[in-house]
Amino acid sequence: MRQLLNSVKKFLKSDDGPTSVEYCVMMAFIFLVCFAAIVGLGATTHELYSDSLTEIEK
């Protein structure tokens, strides 16, 4: 148990903690941008297929 506490203390004192948090924030931002792009592309594609189906049914 003492070794675990020492490891946690060492991790918090080192620069690895803030760096990993920064990477997590960047990854979350990239994920949100990709998700927004996919949602937008999906809506556009759905509209395109709906318009094509309407034209075929005429």
C-alpha atoms as a PDB file:
ATOM      1  CA  MET A   1       0.000   0.000   0.000  1.00  0.00           C
ATOM      2  CA  ARG A   2       2.830   2.351   0.840  1.00  0.00           C
ATOM      3  CA  GLN A   3       4.427   1.684  -2.559  1.00  0.00           C
ATOM      4  CA  LEU A   4       1.173   2.624  -4.290  1.00  0.00           C
ATOM      5  CA  LEU A   5       0.962   5.905  -2.380  1.00  0.00           C
ATOM      6  CA  ASN A   6       4.585   6.688  -3.216  1.00  0.00           C
ATOM      7  CA  SER A   7       3.903   5.992  -6.891  1.00  0.00           C
ATOM      8  CA  VAL A   8       0.887   8.309  -6.862  1.00  0.00           C
ATOM      9  CA  LYS A   9       2.881  11.056  -5.143  1.00  0.00           C
ATOM     10  CA  LYS A  10       5.691  10.712  -7.677  1.00  0.00           C
ATOM     11  CA  PHE A  11       3.208  10.852 -10.584  1.00  0.00           C
ATOM     12  CA  LEU A  12       1.526  13.984  -9.227  1.00  0.00           C
ATOM     13  CA  LYS A  13       4.854  15.737  -8.673  1.00  0.00           C
ATOM     14  CA  SER A  14       6.190  14.939 -12.140  1.00  0.00           C
ATOM     15  CA  ASP A  15       5.181  16.733 -15.344  1.00  0.00           C
ATOM     16  CA  ASP A  16       3.481  13.632 -16.734  1.00  0.00           C
ATOM     17  CA  GLY A  17       0.170  14.395 -15.003  1.00  0.00           C
ATOM     18  CA  PRO A  18      -0.511  17.780 -16.643  1.00  0.00           C
ATOM     19  CA  THR A  19       0.806  16.525 -19.968  1.00  0.00           C
ATOM     20  CA  SER A  20      -1.568  13.567 -19.999  1.00  0.00           C
ATOM     21  CA  VAL A  21      -4.476  15.869 -19.119  1.00  0.00           C
ATOM     22  CA  GLU A  22      -3.571  18.135 -22.027  1.00  0.00           C
ATOM     23  CA  TYR A  23      -3.499  15.162 -24.388  1.00  0.00           C
ATOM     24  CA  CYS A  24      -6.893  14.018 -23.120  1.00  0.00           C
ATOM     25  CA  VAL A  25      -8.374  17.472 -23.722  1.00  0.00           C
ATOM     26  CA  MET A  26      -6.915  17.572 -27.238  1.00  0.00           C
ATOM     27  CA  MET A  27      -8.264  14.096 -27.993  1.00  0.00           C
ATOM     28  CA  ALA A  28     -11.715  15.103 -26.748  1.00  0.00           C
ATOM     29  CA  PHE A  29     -11.661  18.190 -28.981  1.00  0.00           C
ATOM     30  CA  ILE A  30     -10.585  16.151 -32.011  1.00  0.00           C
ATOM     31  CA  PHE A  31     -13.325  13.612 -31.266  1.00  0.00           C
ATOM     32  CA  LEU A  32     -15.958  16.353 -31.092  1.00  0.00           C
ATOM     33  CA  VAL A  33     -14.824  17.880 -34.383  1.00  0.00           C
ATOM     34  CA  CYS A  34     -14.883  14.476 -36.093  1.00  0.00           C
ATOM     35  CA  PHE A  35     -18.289  13.676 -34.621  1.00  0.00           C
ATOM     36  CA  ALA A  36     -19.731  16.990 -35.829  1.00  0.00           C
ATOM     37  CA  ALA A  37     -18.315  16.406 -39.314  1.00  0.00           C
ATOM     38  CA  ILE A  38     -19.768  12.896 -39.489  1.00  0.00           C
ATOM     39  CA  VAL A  39     -23.190  14.089 -38.315  1.00  0.00           C
ATOM     40  CA  GLY A  40     -23.180  16.873 -40.900  1.00  0.00           C
ATOM     41  CA  LEU A  41     -22.087  14.531 -43.658  1.00  0.00           C
ATOM     42  CA  GLY A  42     -24.745  12.022 -42.638  1.00  0.00           C
ATOM     43  CA  ALA A  43     -27.486  14.640 -42.810  1.00  0.00           C
ATOM     44  CA  THR A  44     -26.320  15.784 -46.240  1.00  0.00           C
ATOM     45  CA  THR A  45     -26.140  12.212 -47.521  1.00  0.00           C
ATOM     46  CA  HIS A  46     -29.605  11.424 -46.178  1.00  0.00           C
ATOM     47  CA  GLU A  47     -31.017  14.479 -47.923  1.00  0.00           C
ATOM     48  CA  LEU A  48     -29.308  13.493 -51.182  1.00  0.00           C
ATOM     49  CA  TYR A  49     -30.728   9.957 -51.089  1.00  0.00           C
ATOM     50  CA  SER A  50     -34.192  11.252 -50.164  1.00  0.00           C
ATOM     51  CA  ASP A  51     -34.172  13.648 -53.111  1.00  0.00           C
ATOM     52  CA  SER A  52     -32.994  10.888 -55.447  1.00  0.00           C
ATOM     53  CA  LEU A  53     -35.736   8.536 -54.241  1.00  0.00           C
ATOM     54  CA  THR A  54     -38.354  11.248 -54.773  1.00  0.00           C
ATOM     55  CA  GLU A  55     -37.145  11.794 -58.335  1.00  0.00           C
ATOM     56  CA  ILE A  56     -37.141   8.042 -59.072  1.00  0.00           C
ATOM     57  CA  GLU A  57     -40.687   7.615 -57.779  1.00  0.00           C
ATOM     58  CA  LYS A  58     -42.055  10.368 -60.082  1.00  0.00           C
END
